[in-house]
Structure formats: structure tokens, C-alpha cells
Amino acid sequence: MFIIVGLGNPEQKYFKTFHNMGYLAVGDAANMLGVKFKKRECEALTAEAHINGEKVILAQPLTYMNNSGRAVKQLLAKYKATPDELVILYDDYDIPKGKIRIRPDGSAGTHNGMRSVIAEIGTAAFKRIRIGIRDSEVNIPIINYVLSNVKEEDYELFVSACNRAAEAAVELAKGKPCERVMTDFNG
């Protein structure tokens, strides 16, 4: 069993914002696995795939970013999964745009969605794939930046980053050790 959750906001107006990188990346993972988000459960849209005979649930919470933990907690309970079987994909302002970072655990940093996940499930010991969004040339408050649309000239860079994050999540779901995925994809 493996659960891959991409953090974001469910409304169309947020689709191309920096804060929806997790949604886009889990969508890429679903495409790679040949599945579609069809089911609404646990305050999330979900898709089900199988890798090597093991069930993989992909999810996009419908709770909005700051309450993402509610959906994650419900998914873990429904599928009787442990935090060790969880990977969260999300945007990270502390990483330069277009880079990804995989970690086996860690703090929420400045990310309210991750604060919600950690508070709801009671641990920070789960895998996460962070998609860098920081643009050193932009000087506006973080909240305004993360909810702004990706600039057209940067769009392909973020499409590539989300795709690499999705590939890393699929590798984790296939059972590849986190340390190896970190070596293969970080940077």
C-alpha cells in the first residue's frame, strides 16, 4: 500500500498558481500510472493504481491548502496505511524554482499545508517531495507570491519539475529506497 498526495487548492482559479504544484505533480503521477481521478472520498479526489500487485492511492485534497491534513488523516485511516506508506508532493518557497528535493521526513518549514498534515497525523516522519518555486527576482509577500500564476516564460520549467517530482513519487511507490530516490532526483 502506498498513498501519494499532491497538495493544492481545488478551484480552477488556482490551477496555474505556485501553490498548486503538488496537484499538478500528482496528476502527472496518475498519468504515468495510467489512471484518472474518478472517486471522491476522504475530502479528496482519488485515483487507484497498482504497482507490482500493491495498491497505490493518488489524491488531491479538496480541503484547500491550509486544511490538507484532514484529507491525509482520513485517507490513512480508510486504507489502514501508516505514515511510512505516505508521500506528500508540494510547493516550497525555500527552494529555487524548478528544483526538487526529496526527504524521508522533516519539519513543515513555512508551509501551512504541511503544518496541517503534521498536526493531523501526529508525525513528521513521512516522505515528502518539495517542488521549488522561489524566484530571487520577485519581491512580494510569500502569500501573494504562492497564490499568483506561474509566469508564462517559466511554465515549461515548472512542468518539468512537476514531472520529475511525479517520477520520484512513482519510484518510491515501486519500493525504491528513499535514499536512492534522493540521489537520483534531488537537485
N, C-alpha and C. Protein backbone atom coordinates (compact mmCIF):
# COMPACT_ATOMS: atom_id res chain seq x y z
N MET A 1 0.85 -1.19 0.00
CA MET A 1 0.00 0.00 0.00
C MET A 1 0.89 1.24 0.00
N PHE A 2 0.48 2.20 -0.79
CA PHE A 2 1.19 3.47 -0.84
C PHE A 2 0.17 4.56 -1.14
N ILE A 3 0.30 5.70 -0.49
CA ILE A 3 -0.59 6.84 -0.74
C ILE A 3 0.26 8.03 -1.15
N ILE A 4 -0.04 8.58 -2.33
CA ILE A 4 0.67 9.75 -2.84
C ILE A 4 -0.32 10.91 -2.87
N VAL A 5 -0.02 11.98 -2.15
CA VAL A 5 -0.93 13.12 -2.04
C VAL A 5 -0.24 14.37 -2.58
N GLY A 6 -0.91 15.05 -3.48
CA GLY A 6 -0.41 16.32 -4.01
C GLY A 6 -1.20 17.45 -3.40
N LEU A 7 -0.52 18.36 -2.71
CA LEU A 7 -1.21 19.47 -2.04
C LEU A 7 -1.52 20.59 -3.03
N GLY A 8 -2.66 21.25 -2.81
CA GLY A 8 -3.07 22.35 -3.66
C GLY A 8 -4.43 22.87 -3.25
N ASN A 9 -5.01 23.67 -4.11
CA ASN A 9 -6.35 24.23 -3.88
C ASN A 9 -7.26 23.76 -5.01
N PRO A 10 -8.50 23.38 -4.68
CA PRO A 10 -9.35 22.72 -5.68
C PRO A 10 -10.00 23.59 -6.74
N GLU A 11 -10.08 24.88 -6.57
CA GLU A 11 -10.78 25.71 -7.55
C GLU A 11 -9.93 25.96 -8.80
N GLN A 12 -10.61 26.08 -9.93
CA GLN A 12 -9.95 26.30 -11.22
C GLN A 12 -9.05 27.55 -11.20
N LYS A 13 -9.48 28.59 -10.47
CA LYS A 13 -8.69 29.83 -10.46
C LYS A 13 -7.29 29.63 -9.88
N TYR A 14 -7.07 28.53 -9.13
CA TYR A 14 -5.75 28.26 -8.55
C TYR A 14 -4.90 27.32 -9.40
N PHE A 15 -5.47 26.83 -10.49
CA PHE A 15 -4.83 25.75 -11.25
C PHE A 15 -3.38 26.05 -11.62
N LYS A 16 -3.08 27.25 -12.12
CA LYS A 16 -1.71 27.57 -12.57
C LYS A 16 -0.93 28.40 -11.56
N THR A 17 -1.32 28.32 -10.28
CA THR A 17 -0.58 29.06 -9.26
C THR A 17 0.56 28.20 -8.71
N PHE A 18 1.50 28.85 -8.08
CA PHE A 18 2.64 28.14 -7.48
C PHE A 18 2.17 27.16 -6.41
N HIS A 19 1.11 27.52 -5.69
CA HIS A 19 0.63 26.67 -4.60
C HIS A 19 -0.01 25.38 -5.09
N ASN A 20 -0.19 25.22 -6.39
CA ASN A 20 -0.80 24.00 -6.92
C ASN A 20 0.22 23.04 -7.55
N MET A 21 1.48 23.24 -7.29
CA MET A 21 2.49 22.36 -7.86
C MET A 21 2.27 20.91 -7.41
N GLY A 22 1.85 20.69 -6.19
CA GLY A 22 1.59 19.34 -5.70
C GLY A 22 0.45 18.67 -6.46
N TYR A 23 -0.62 19.43 -6.70
CA TYR A 23 -1.75 18.93 -7.50
C TYR A 23 -1.28 18.52 -8.89
N LEU A 24 -0.50 19.39 -9.52
CA LEU A 24 -0.02 19.11 -10.87
C LEU A 24 0.87 17.87 -10.89
N ALA A 25 1.75 17.76 -9.91
CA ALA A 25 2.68 16.63 -9.86
C ALA A 25 1.95 15.31 -9.63
N VAL A 26 0.97 15.28 -8.72
CA VAL A 26 0.25 14.02 -8.50
C VAL A 26 -0.59 13.68 -9.74
N GLY A 27 -1.03 14.70 -10.46
CA GLY A 27 -1.71 14.47 -11.74
C GLY A 27 -0.77 13.81 -12.75
N ASP A 28 0.48 14.27 -12.77
CA ASP A 28 1.48 13.65 -13.64
C ASP A 28 1.72 12.20 -13.24
N ALA A 29 1.77 11.93 -11.94
CA ALA A 29 1.97 10.55 -11.46
C ALA A 29 0.80 9.67 -11.90
N ALA A 30 -0.42 10.19 -11.82
CA ALA A 30 -1.60 9.43 -12.27
C ALA A 30 -1.48 9.11 -13.75
N ASN A 31 -1.05 10.09 -14.55
CA ASN A 31 -0.87 9.85 -15.99
C ASN A 31 0.18 8.77 -16.24
N MET A 32 1.29 8.82 -15.49
CA MET A 32 2.34 7.82 -15.65
C MET A 32 1.83 6.41 -15.34
N LEU A 33 0.91 6.33 -14.38
CA LEU A 33 0.37 5.04 -13.96
C LEU A 33 -0.89 4.65 -14.73
N GLY A 34 -1.32 5.52 -15.65
CA GLY A 34 -2.46 5.22 -16.49
C GLY A 34 -3.80 5.24 -15.79
N VAL A 35 -3.95 6.09 -14.77
CA VAL A 35 -5.22 6.17 -14.03
C VAL A 35 -5.73 7.61 -14.02
N LYS A 36 -7.01 7.75 -13.72
CA LYS A 36 -7.65 9.08 -13.66
C LYS A 36 -8.28 9.27 -12.29
N PHE A 37 -8.38 10.53 -11.88
CA PHE A 37 -9.06 10.86 -10.63
C PHE A 37 -10.56 10.76 -10.88
N LYS A 38 -11.19 9.73 -10.32
CA LYS A 38 -12.60 9.49 -10.56
C LYS A 38 -13.43 9.50 -9.29
N LYS A 39 -12.83 9.19 -8.18
CA LYS A 39 -13.57 8.96 -6.95
C LYS A 39 -13.42 10.15 -6.01
N ARG A 40 -14.49 10.44 -5.28
CA ARG A 40 -14.44 11.49 -4.26
C ARG A 40 -14.62 10.80 -2.92
N GLU A 41 -13.58 10.84 -2.10
CA GLU A 41 -13.60 10.18 -0.79
C GLU A 41 -12.64 10.90 0.14
N CYS A 42 -12.91 10.83 1.42
CA CYS A 42 -11.99 11.37 2.42
C CYS A 42 -11.63 12.83 2.14
N GLU A 43 -12.59 13.61 1.68
CA GLU A 43 -12.37 15.02 1.34
C GLU A 43 -11.27 15.20 0.31
N ALA A 44 -11.22 14.26 -0.66
CA ALA A 44 -10.21 14.32 -1.71
C ALA A 44 -10.74 13.66 -2.98
N LEU A 45 -10.14 14.04 -4.10
CA LEU A 45 -10.33 13.30 -5.34
C LEU A 45 -9.23 12.24 -5.35
N THR A 46 -9.60 11.00 -5.70
CA THR A 46 -8.61 9.93 -5.68
C THR A 46 -8.62 9.13 -6.96
N ALA A 47 -7.50 8.49 -7.19
CA ALA A 47 -7.32 7.54 -8.28
C ALA A 47 -6.61 6.33 -7.68
N GLU A 48 -6.90 5.17 -8.21
CA GLU A 48 -6.27 3.95 -7.70
C GLU A 48 -5.47 3.28 -8.79
N ALA A 49 -4.23 2.93 -8.47
CA ALA A 49 -3.35 2.21 -9.38
C ALA A 49 -2.80 1.00 -8.64
N HIS A 50 -2.12 0.16 -9.38
CA HIS A 50 -1.44 -0.98 -8.78
C HIS A 50 -0.03 -1.05 -9.36
N ILE A 51 0.92 -1.23 -8.47
CA ILE A 51 2.32 -1.39 -8.87
C ILE A 51 2.82 -2.67 -8.23
N ASN A 52 3.29 -3.58 -9.05
CA ASN A 52 3.78 -4.88 -8.56
C ASN A 52 2.77 -5.55 -7.63
N GLY A 53 1.48 -5.45 -7.98
CA GLY A 53 0.43 -6.07 -7.19
C GLY A 53 0.01 -5.32 -5.94
N GLU A 54 0.65 -4.19 -5.67
CA GLU A 54 0.33 -3.38 -4.49
C GLU A 54 -0.54 -2.20 -4.88
N LYS A 55 -1.51 -1.88 -4.04
CA LYS A 55 -2.41 -0.75 -4.28
C LYS A 55 -1.68 0.57 -4.02
N VAL A 56 -1.90 1.52 -4.93
CA VAL A 56 -1.37 2.88 -4.77
C VAL A 56 -2.55 3.83 -4.94
N ILE A 57 -2.79 4.65 -3.92
CA ILE A 57 -3.84 5.66 -3.97
C ILE A 57 -3.18 7.00 -4.24
N LEU A 58 -3.67 7.72 -5.24
CA LEU A 58 -3.21 9.07 -5.54
C LEU A 58 -4.34 10.01 -5.14
N ALA A 59 -4.00 11.14 -4.52
CA ALA A 59 -5.06 12.02 -4.01
C ALA A 59 -4.73 13.49 -4.17
N GLN A 60 -5.80 14.25 -4.42
CA GLN A 60 -5.77 15.71 -4.42
C GLN A 60 -6.81 16.17 -3.39
N PRO A 61 -6.37 16.64 -2.22
CA PRO A 61 -7.33 17.08 -1.21
C PRO A 61 -8.24 18.20 -1.71
N LEU A 62 -9.49 18.17 -1.28
CA LEU A 62 -10.47 19.20 -1.62
C LEU A 62 -10.67 20.18 -0.48
N THR A 63 -9.81 20.11 0.52
CA THR A 63 -9.95 20.88 1.76
C THR A 63 -9.30 22.26 1.71
N TYR A 64 -8.71 22.60 0.61
CA TYR A 64 -7.86 23.79 0.47
C TYR A 64 -6.58 23.56 1.25
N MET A 65 -5.55 24.25 0.81
CA MET A 65 -4.20 24.01 1.29
C MET A 65 -4.08 23.96 2.82
N ASN A 66 -4.61 24.97 3.51
CA ASN A 66 -4.36 25.08 4.94
C ASN A 66 -5.03 23.99 5.78
N ASN A 67 -5.91 23.20 5.19
CA ASN A 67 -6.57 22.10 5.91
C ASN A 67 -6.26 20.75 5.26
N SER A 68 -5.18 20.66 4.53
CA SER A 68 -4.82 19.43 3.81
C SER A 68 -4.70 18.22 4.73
N GLY A 69 -4.30 18.45 5.95
CA GLY A 69 -4.10 17.35 6.89
C GLY A 69 -5.36 16.54 7.16
N ARG A 70 -6.53 17.18 7.09
CA ARG A 70 -7.78 16.45 7.32
C ARG A 70 -7.94 15.33 6.31
N ALA A 71 -7.74 15.64 5.04
CA ALA A 71 -7.87 14.62 3.99
C ALA A 71 -6.81 13.54 4.15
N VAL A 72 -5.58 13.93 4.43
CA VAL A 72 -4.50 12.95 4.59
C VAL A 72 -4.81 12.00 5.74
N LYS A 73 -5.24 12.53 6.86
CA LYS A 73 -5.57 11.69 8.02
C LYS A 73 -6.68 10.70 7.67
N GLN A 74 -7.71 11.17 6.98
CA GLN A 74 -8.83 10.30 6.60
C GLN A 74 -8.37 9.21 5.63
N LEU A 75 -7.51 9.55 4.68
CA LEU A 75 -7.01 8.56 3.73
C LEU A 75 -6.18 7.49 4.42
N LEU A 76 -5.31 7.91 5.34
CA LEU A 76 -4.51 6.93 6.08
C LEU A 76 -5.42 5.98 6.85
N ALA A 77 -6.46 6.53 7.49
CA ALA A 77 -7.38 5.70 8.28
C ALA A 77 -8.17 4.75 7.38
N LYS A 78 -8.72 5.26 6.31
CA LYS A 78 -9.54 4.43 5.42
C LYS A 78 -8.76 3.26 4.85
N TYR A 79 -7.54 3.53 4.42
CA TYR A 79 -6.74 2.49 3.77
C TYR A 79 -5.80 1.77 4.74
N LYS A 80 -5.96 2.06 6.03
CA LYS A 80 -5.15 1.41 7.08
C LYS A 80 -3.66 1.48 6.73
N ALA A 81 -3.25 2.66 6.29
CA ALA A 81 -1.86 2.90 5.91
C ALA A 81 -1.14 3.62 7.04
N THR A 82 0.16 3.48 7.07
CA THR A 82 0.98 4.15 8.06
C THR A 82 1.67 5.35 7.41
N PRO A 83 2.18 6.30 8.20
CA PRO A 83 2.92 7.41 7.61
C PRO A 83 4.11 6.97 6.76
N ASP A 84 4.65 5.79 7.02
CA ASP A 84 5.75 5.27 6.22
C ASP A 84 5.31 4.93 4.80
N GLU A 85 4.00 4.79 4.59
CA GLU A 85 3.46 4.47 3.27
C GLU A 85 2.89 5.70 2.58
N LEU A 86 3.30 6.87 3.04
CA LEU A 86 2.77 8.14 2.56
C LEU A 86 3.88 8.97 1.92
N VAL A 87 3.55 9.64 0.82
CA VAL A 87 4.45 10.65 0.26
C VAL A 87 3.59 11.86 -0.09
N ILE A 88 4.07 13.05 0.28
CA ILE A 88 3.37 14.30 0.01
C ILE A 88 4.19 15.10 -1.01
N LEU A 89 3.52 15.58 -2.05
CA LEU A 89 4.13 16.44 -3.07
C LEU A 89 3.61 17.86 -2.84
N TYR A 90 4.50 18.85 -2.80
CA TYR A 90 4.05 20.22 -2.55
C TYR A 90 5.09 21.25 -2.99
N ASP A 91 4.60 22.48 -3.15
CA ASP A 91 5.48 23.60 -3.49
C ASP A 91 6.29 24.03 -2.28
N ASP A 92 7.48 24.54 -2.52
CA ASP A 92 8.30 25.02 -1.40
C ASP A 92 9.02 26.31 -1.80
N TYR A 93 8.69 27.37 -1.09
CA TYR A 93 9.27 28.69 -1.35
C TYR A 93 10.75 28.75 -0.98
N ASP A 94 11.21 27.84 -0.14
CA ASP A 94 12.60 27.87 0.31
C ASP A 94 13.57 27.21 -0.68
N ILE A 95 13.05 26.70 -1.78
CA ILE A 95 13.88 26.02 -2.79
C ILE A 95 13.77 26.81 -4.10
N PRO A 96 14.90 27.01 -4.80
CA PRO A 96 14.85 27.75 -6.07
C PRO A 96 13.91 27.11 -7.08
N LYS A 97 13.28 27.95 -7.88
CA LYS A 97 12.28 27.49 -8.84
C LYS A 97 12.84 26.41 -9.76
N GLY A 98 12.01 25.39 -9.95
CA GLY A 98 12.37 24.31 -10.86
C GLY A 98 13.17 23.18 -10.25
N LYS A 99 13.67 23.34 -9.03
CA LYS A 99 14.43 22.28 -8.37
C LYS A 99 13.46 21.42 -7.56
N ILE A 100 13.80 20.17 -7.33
CA ILE A 100 13.01 19.35 -6.42
C ILE A 100 13.92 18.78 -5.34
N ARG A 101 13.32 18.53 -4.18
CA ARG A 101 14.04 17.95 -3.04
C ARG A 101 13.17 16.87 -2.42
N ILE A 102 13.76 15.70 -2.26
CA ILE A 102 13.07 14.58 -1.62
C ILE A 102 13.69 14.40 -0.25
N ARG A 103 12.85 14.17 0.75
CA ARG A 103 13.31 13.94 2.11
C ARG A 103 12.47 12.82 2.74
N PRO A 104 13.09 12.02 3.63
CA PRO A 104 12.34 10.96 4.29
C PRO A 104 11.46 11.47 5.44
N ASP A 105 11.73 12.71 5.88
CA ASP A 105 10.96 13.31 6.97
C ASP A 105 11.41 14.76 7.10
N GLY A 106 10.91 15.47 8.11
CA GLY A 106 11.35 16.85 8.31
C GLY A 106 10.23 17.73 8.82
N SER A 107 10.55 18.99 8.99
CA SER A 107 9.57 19.95 9.51
C SER A 107 8.69 20.48 8.39
N ALA A 108 7.70 21.26 8.76
CA ALA A 108 6.81 21.88 7.78
C ALA A 108 7.43 23.12 7.16
N GLY A 109 8.46 23.66 7.80
CA GLY A 109 9.04 24.91 7.32
C GLY A 109 8.00 26.01 7.35
N THR A 110 7.91 26.77 6.27
CA THR A 110 6.95 27.88 6.20
C THR A 110 5.63 27.48 5.55
N HIS A 111 5.43 26.19 5.30
CA HIS A 111 4.29 25.71 4.51
C HIS A 111 3.09 25.34 5.39
N ASN A 112 2.00 26.10 5.27
CA ASN A 112 0.81 25.85 6.09
C ASN A 112 0.14 24.52 5.78
N GLY A 113 0.16 24.08 4.54
CA GLY A 113 -0.40 22.78 4.21
C GLY A 113 0.33 21.66 4.92
N MET A 114 1.64 21.74 4.96
CA MET A 114 2.42 20.72 5.65
C MET A 114 2.23 20.82 7.17
N ARG A 115 2.07 22.02 7.68
CA ARG A 115 1.77 22.15 9.12
C ARG A 115 0.48 21.42 9.44
N SER A 116 -0.51 21.56 8.58
CA SER A 116 -1.79 20.88 8.78
C SER A 116 -1.62 19.37 8.74
N VAL A 117 -0.86 18.85 7.78
CA VAL A 117 -0.65 17.41 7.67
C VAL A 117 0.03 16.88 8.93
N ILE A 118 1.10 17.53 9.35
CA ILE A 118 1.85 17.07 10.54
C ILE A 118 0.96 17.13 11.78
N ALA A 119 0.20 18.20 11.94
CA ALA A 119 -0.69 18.33 13.11
C ALA A 119 -1.76 17.24 13.12
N GLU A 120 -2.34 16.96 11.96
CA GLU A 120 -3.44 15.99 11.89
C GLU A 120 -2.97 14.55 12.07
N ILE A 121 -1.84 14.18 11.47
CA ILE A 121 -1.42 12.78 11.58
C ILE A 121 -0.46 12.54 12.74
N GLY A 122 -0.01 13.62 13.39
CA GLY A 122 0.77 13.49 14.61
C GLY A 122 2.22 13.11 14.43
N THR A 123 2.74 13.25 13.22
CA THR A 123 4.15 12.94 12.99
C THR A 123 4.64 13.68 11.75
N ALA A 124 5.96 13.92 11.73
CA ALA A 124 6.60 14.50 10.55
C ALA A 124 7.43 13.43 9.84
N ALA A 125 7.28 12.17 10.30
CA ALA A 125 8.06 11.06 9.75
C ALA A 125 7.35 10.42 8.57
N PHE A 126 7.32 11.15 7.46
CA PHE A 126 6.78 10.63 6.20
C PHE A 126 7.56 11.28 5.07
N LYS A 127 7.58 10.61 3.93
CA LYS A 127 8.34 11.11 2.78
C LYS A 127 7.65 12.31 2.17
N ARG A 128 8.48 13.23 1.67
CA ARG A 128 7.94 14.41 1.01
C ARG A 128 8.81 14.77 -0.18
N ILE A 129 8.14 15.29 -1.22
CA ILE A 129 8.84 15.76 -2.41
C ILE A 129 8.45 17.22 -2.57
N ARG A 130 9.44 18.08 -2.42
CA ARG A 130 9.21 19.52 -2.48
C ARG A 130 9.61 20.06 -3.85
N ILE A 131 8.74 20.87 -4.41
CA ILE A 131 8.98 21.47 -5.72
C ILE A 131 9.30 22.94 -5.51
N GLY A 132 10.50 23.33 -5.84
CA GLY A 132 10.96 24.69 -5.60
C GLY A 132 10.23 25.73 -6.45
N ILE A 133 9.84 26.83 -5.80
CA ILE A 133 9.12 27.89 -6.51
C ILE A 133 9.75 29.27 -6.33
N ARG A 134 10.79 29.39 -5.50
CA ARG A 134 11.36 30.71 -5.21
C ARG A 134 12.01 31.34 -6.43
N ASP A 135 11.65 32.58 -6.68
CA ASP A 135 12.25 33.37 -7.74
C ASP A 135 12.94 34.54 -7.05
N SER A 136 14.26 34.56 -7.07
CA SER A 136 15.01 35.58 -6.35
C SER A 136 14.75 36.99 -6.88
N GLU A 137 14.18 37.11 -8.07
CA GLU A 137 13.89 38.42 -8.65
C GLU A 137 12.54 38.98 -8.24
N VAL A 138 11.73 38.17 -7.56
CA VAL A 138 10.39 38.61 -7.13
C VAL A 138 10.47 39.03 -5.67
N ASN A 139 9.92 40.20 -5.38
CA ASN A 139 9.98 40.72 -4.02
C ASN A 139 8.59 41.14 -3.55
N ILE A 140 7.72 40.15 -3.34
CA ILE A 140 6.38 40.40 -2.80
C ILE A 140 6.17 39.44 -1.63
N PRO A 141 5.21 39.71 -0.76
CA PRO A 141 4.95 38.80 0.35
C PRO A 141 4.68 37.37 -0.13
N ILE A 142 5.15 36.39 0.64
CA ILE A 142 5.03 34.98 0.25
C ILE A 142 3.59 34.62 -0.09
N ILE A 143 2.62 35.02 0.74
CA ILE A 143 1.22 34.64 0.50
C ILE A 143 0.74 35.13 -0.86
N ASN A 144 1.14 36.32 -1.26
CA ASN A 144 0.76 36.84 -2.58
C ASN A 144 1.47 36.07 -3.69
N TYR A 145 2.72 35.73 -3.45
CA TYR A 145 3.51 35.01 -4.45
C TYR A 145 2.96 33.61 -4.71
N VAL A 146 2.72 32.83 -3.64
CA VAL A 146 2.30 31.44 -3.84
C VAL A 146 0.94 31.33 -4.51
N LEU A 147 0.10 32.37 -4.36
CA LEU A 147 -1.22 32.35 -4.98
C LEU A 147 -1.25 33.06 -6.33
N SER A 148 -0.07 33.47 -6.81
CA SER A 148 -0.01 34.10 -8.13
C SER A 148 0.25 33.02 -9.18
N ASN A 149 -0.10 33.35 -10.42
CA ASN A 149 0.10 32.40 -11.52
C ASN A 149 1.57 32.33 -11.91
N VAL A 150 1.99 31.15 -12.32
CA VAL A 150 3.33 30.95 -12.84
C VAL A 150 3.47 31.81 -14.09
N LYS A 151 4.60 32.51 -14.20
CA LYS A 151 4.85 33.33 -15.38
C LYS A 151 4.97 32.44 -16.62
N GLU A 152 4.47 32.95 -17.73
CA GLU A 152 4.47 32.18 -18.97
C GLU A 152 5.87 31.69 -19.34
N GLU A 153 6.86 32.55 -19.15
CA GLU A 153 8.23 32.18 -19.53
C GLU A 153 8.81 31.09 -18.61
N ASP A 154 8.20 30.86 -17.44
CA ASP A 154 8.67 29.83 -16.50
C ASP A 154 7.83 28.56 -16.55
N TYR A 155 6.76 28.57 -17.34
CA TYR A 155 5.80 27.48 -17.29
C TYR A 155 6.44 26.12 -17.60
N GLU A 156 7.26 26.04 -18.64
CA GLU A 156 7.89 24.76 -19.01
C GLU A 156 8.83 24.27 -17.92
N LEU A 157 9.51 25.18 -17.24
CA LEU A 157 10.39 24.81 -16.13
C LEU A 157 9.59 24.11 -15.03
N PHE A 158 8.40 24.65 -14.73
CA PHE A 158 7.58 24.05 -13.67
C PHE A 158 6.91 22.76 -14.13
N VAL A 159 6.56 22.69 -15.40
CA VAL A 159 6.02 21.43 -15.94
C VAL A 159 7.06 20.33 -15.79
N SER A 160 8.31 20.64 -16.10
CA SER A 160 9.40 19.67 -15.97
C SER A 160 9.62 19.28 -14.51
N ALA A 161 9.61 20.27 -13.61
CA ALA A 161 9.81 19.98 -12.18
C ALA A 161 8.71 19.08 -11.64
N CYS A 162 7.46 19.36 -12.01
CA CYS A 162 6.34 18.53 -11.55
C CYS A 162 6.46 17.12 -12.10
N ASN A 163 6.91 17.00 -13.34
CA ASN A 163 7.08 15.68 -13.93
C ASN A 163 8.17 14.89 -13.22
N ARG A 164 9.28 15.54 -12.88
CA ARG A 164 10.36 14.86 -12.15
C ARG A 164 9.89 14.46 -10.75
N ALA A 165 9.11 15.33 -10.10
CA ALA A 165 8.56 15.01 -8.77
C ALA A 165 7.64 13.80 -8.87
N ALA A 166 6.82 13.74 -9.91
CA ALA A 166 5.93 12.60 -10.12
C ALA A 166 6.73 11.31 -10.33
N GLU A 167 7.77 11.39 -11.15
CA GLU A 167 8.62 10.22 -11.38
C GLU A 167 9.22 9.72 -10.07
N ALA A 168 9.68 10.66 -9.24
CA ALA A 168 10.27 10.28 -7.95
C ALA A 168 9.22 9.61 -7.06
N ALA A 169 7.99 10.13 -7.05
CA ALA A 169 6.93 9.54 -6.23
C ALA A 169 6.61 8.13 -6.71
N VAL A 170 6.57 7.92 -8.01
CA VAL A 170 6.32 6.58 -8.55
C VAL A 170 7.44 5.63 -8.17
N GLU A 171 8.68 6.09 -8.22
CA GLU A 171 9.81 5.25 -7.81
C GLU A 171 9.69 4.84 -6.34
N LEU A 172 9.28 5.78 -5.49
CA LEU A 172 9.07 5.45 -4.08
C LEU A 172 7.96 4.40 -3.94
N ALA A 173 6.88 4.57 -4.69
CA ALA A 173 5.76 3.62 -4.63
C ALA A 173 6.18 2.24 -5.14
N LYS A 174 7.16 2.19 -6.02
CA LYS A 174 7.67 0.91 -6.52
C LYS A 174 8.55 0.22 -5.49
N GLY A 175 8.87 0.93 -4.41
CA GLY A 175 9.69 0.33 -3.35
C GLY A 175 11.14 0.71 -3.37
N LYS A 176 11.52 1.63 -4.26
CA LYS A 176 12.92 2.07 -4.28
C LYS A 176 13.22 2.81 -2.98
N PRO A 177 14.33 2.52 -2.32
CA PRO A 177 14.65 3.20 -1.06
C PRO A 177 14.72 4.72 -1.22
N CYS A 178 14.25 5.43 -0.22
CA CYS A 178 14.21 6.88 -0.27
C CYS A 178 15.59 7.48 -0.53
N GLU A 179 16.62 6.93 0.10
CA GLU A 179 17.97 7.45 -0.09
C GLU A 179 18.40 7.38 -1.54
N ARG A 180 18.01 6.29 -2.23
CA ARG A 180 18.35 6.14 -3.65
C ARG A 180 17.58 7.12 -4.51
N VAL A 181 16.29 7.32 -4.18
CA VAL A 181 15.47 8.30 -4.93
C VAL A 181 16.03 9.69 -4.72
N MET A 182 16.47 9.99 -3.49
CA MET A 182 17.08 11.29 -3.22
C MET A 182 18.31 11.49 -4.09
N THR A 183 19.15 10.49 -4.19
CA THR A 183 20.37 10.57 -5.00
C THR A 183 20.03 10.78 -6.48
N ASP A 184 19.00 10.08 -6.93
CA ASP A 184 18.62 10.13 -8.35
C ASP A 184 17.94 11.44 -8.75
N PHE A 185 17.17 12.05 -7.83
CA PHE A 185 16.32 13.16 -8.22
C PHE A 185 16.63 14.51 -7.57
N ASN A 186 17.24 14.55 -6.41
CA ASN A 186 17.47 15.86 -5.77
C ASN A 186 18.36 16.73 -6.64
N GLY A 187 18.02 18.01 -6.70
CA GLY A 187 18.87 18.94 -7.45
C GLY A 187 18.09 19.67 -8.52
